[in-house]
Amino acid sequence: MSKGGYVVVMREGKTQQFFGDACPEWRKQAKLADTSRSARRTAA
């Protein structure tokens, strides 16, 4: 993972997101929002 990136890990059917140290705050907020694509995908 690069300093400004993120990675999604799936364990036992659940996903977790990890962000690099230099990942922009706006990207973190967008990825963690309830309306984000990944939030809608993992809600089912």
N, C-alpha and C. Protein backbone atom coordinates (compact mmCIF):
# COMPACT_ATOMS: atom_id res chain seq x y z
N MET A 1 0.86 -1.17 0.00
CA MET A 1 0.00 0.00 0.00
C MET A 1 0.90 1.24 0.00
N SER A 2 0.55 2.18 -0.83
CA SER A 2 1.32 3.43 -0.87
C SER A 2 0.89 4.35 0.28
N LYS A 3 1.69 5.36 0.57
CA LYS A 3 1.39 6.28 1.67
C LYS A 3 0.06 6.99 1.50
N GLY A 4 -0.32 7.29 0.26
CA GLY A 4 -1.55 8.02 0.00
C GLY A 4 -2.71 7.14 -0.41
N GLY A 5 -2.58 5.84 -0.26
CA GLY A 5 -3.60 4.93 -0.73
C GLY A 5 -4.38 4.27 0.40
N TYR A 6 -5.12 3.25 0.01
CA TYR A 6 -5.89 2.48 0.97
C TYR A 6 -5.98 1.04 0.48
N VAL A 7 -6.35 0.15 1.37
CA VAL A 7 -6.51 -1.25 1.02
C VAL A 7 -7.76 -1.77 1.73
N VAL A 8 -8.48 -2.66 1.06
CA VAL A 8 -9.67 -3.28 1.63
C VAL A 8 -9.35 -4.75 1.86
N VAL A 9 -9.57 -5.23 3.08
CA VAL A 9 -9.28 -6.61 3.45
C VAL A 9 -10.58 -7.29 3.84
N MET A 10 -10.78 -8.51 3.36
CA MET A 10 -11.97 -9.26 3.72
C MET A 10 -11.55 -10.47 4.55
N ARG A 11 -12.14 -10.59 5.73
CA ARG A 11 -11.89 -11.72 6.61
C ARG A 11 -13.23 -12.23 7.12
N GLU A 12 -13.44 -13.52 6.95
CA GLU A 12 -14.65 -14.18 7.43
C GLU A 12 -15.91 -13.46 6.95
N GLY A 13 -15.89 -13.01 5.71
CA GLY A 13 -17.06 -12.37 5.11
C GLY A 13 -17.28 -10.92 5.49
N LYS A 14 -16.38 -10.32 6.25
CA LYS A 14 -16.50 -8.91 6.64
C LYS A 14 -15.32 -8.13 6.08
N THR A 15 -15.60 -6.89 5.64
CA THR A 15 -14.54 -6.08 5.06
C THR A 15 -14.05 -5.03 6.06
N GLN A 16 -12.77 -4.70 5.94
CA GLN A 16 -12.15 -3.63 6.72
C GLN A 16 -11.33 -2.80 5.75
N GLN A 17 -11.30 -1.48 5.98
CA GLN A 17 -10.51 -0.59 5.15
C GLN A 17 -9.38 0.00 5.99
N PHE A 18 -8.18 0.00 5.41
CA PHE A 18 -7.02 0.58 6.05
C PHE A 18 -6.47 1.66 5.13
N PHE A 19 -6.13 2.81 5.69
CA PHE A 19 -5.67 3.96 4.94
C PHE A 19 -4.20 4.24 5.23
N GLY A 20 -3.46 4.68 4.20
CA GLY A 20 -2.07 5.07 4.37
C GLY A 20 -1.96 6.38 5.14
N ASP A 21 -0.77 6.68 5.62
CA ASP A 21 -0.54 7.88 6.44
C ASP A 21 -0.83 9.17 5.68
N ALA A 22 -0.58 9.19 4.38
CA ALA A 22 -0.76 10.42 3.61
C ALA A 22 -2.08 10.42 2.81
N CYS A 23 -2.97 9.51 3.11
CA CYS A 23 -4.25 9.46 2.40
C CYS A 23 -5.06 10.72 2.75
N PRO A 24 -5.57 11.43 1.73
CA PRO A 24 -6.32 12.67 2.00
C PRO A 24 -7.57 12.42 2.84
N GLU A 25 -7.85 13.35 3.71
CA GLU A 25 -9.02 13.22 4.60
C GLU A 25 -10.32 13.13 3.81
N TRP A 26 -10.42 13.87 2.70
CA TRP A 26 -11.65 13.82 1.90
C TRP A 26 -11.90 12.43 1.34
N ARG A 27 -10.83 11.72 1.02
CA ARG A 27 -11.00 10.36 0.49
C ARG A 27 -11.49 9.41 1.59
N LYS A 28 -10.94 9.57 2.79
CA LYS A 28 -11.38 8.73 3.91
C LYS A 28 -12.87 8.94 4.19
N GLN A 29 -13.29 10.21 4.21
CA GLN A 29 -14.69 10.52 4.47
C GLN A 29 -15.59 9.96 3.37
N ALA A 30 -15.14 10.06 2.13
CA ALA A 30 -15.94 9.55 1.01
C ALA A 30 -16.06 8.03 1.07
N LYS A 31 -15.00 7.34 1.43
CA LYS A 31 -15.03 5.88 1.50
C LYS A 31 -15.86 5.37 2.67
N LEU A 32 -15.92 6.14 3.76
CA LEU A 32 -16.62 5.69 4.96
C LEU A 32 -18.06 6.17 5.04
N ALA A 33 -18.50 7.00 4.09
CA ALA A 33 -19.87 7.54 4.11
C ALA A 33 -20.89 6.43 3.88
N ASP A 34 -22.08 6.59 4.46
CA ASP A 34 -23.15 5.59 4.31
C ASP A 34 -23.60 5.45 2.87
N THR A 35 -23.41 6.49 2.07
CA THR A 35 -23.85 6.46 0.68
C THR A 35 -22.77 5.98 -0.29
N SER A 36 -21.61 5.61 0.22
CA SER A 36 -20.54 5.16 -0.65
C SER A 36 -20.87 3.81 -1.27
N ARG A 37 -20.25 3.53 -2.39
CA ARG A 37 -20.52 2.28 -3.10
C ARG A 37 -20.15 1.07 -2.24
N SER A 38 -19.01 1.13 -1.55
CA SER A 38 -18.61 -0.01 -0.73
C SER A 38 -19.52 -0.20 0.48
N ALA A 39 -20.07 0.88 1.03
CA ALA A 39 -21.01 0.74 2.14
C ALA A 39 -22.29 0.07 1.68
N ARG A 40 -22.77 0.43 0.50
CA ARG A 40 -23.99 -0.19 -0.03
C ARG A 40 -23.75 -1.66 -0.36
N ARG A 41 -22.55 -1.99 -0.84
CA ARG A 41 -22.24 -3.36 -1.23
C ARG A 41 -22.13 -4.27 -0.01
N THR A 42 -21.57 -3.78 1.08
CA THR A 42 -21.34 -4.64 2.25
C THR A 42 -22.51 -4.63 3.22
N ALA A 43 -23.54 -3.81 2.98
CA ALA A 43 -24.67 -3.74 3.89
C ALA A 43 -25.59 -4.96 3.76
N ALA A 44 -25.56 -5.61 2.64
CA ALA A 44 -26.48 -6.75 2.41
C ALA A 44 -26.11 -7.97 3.19
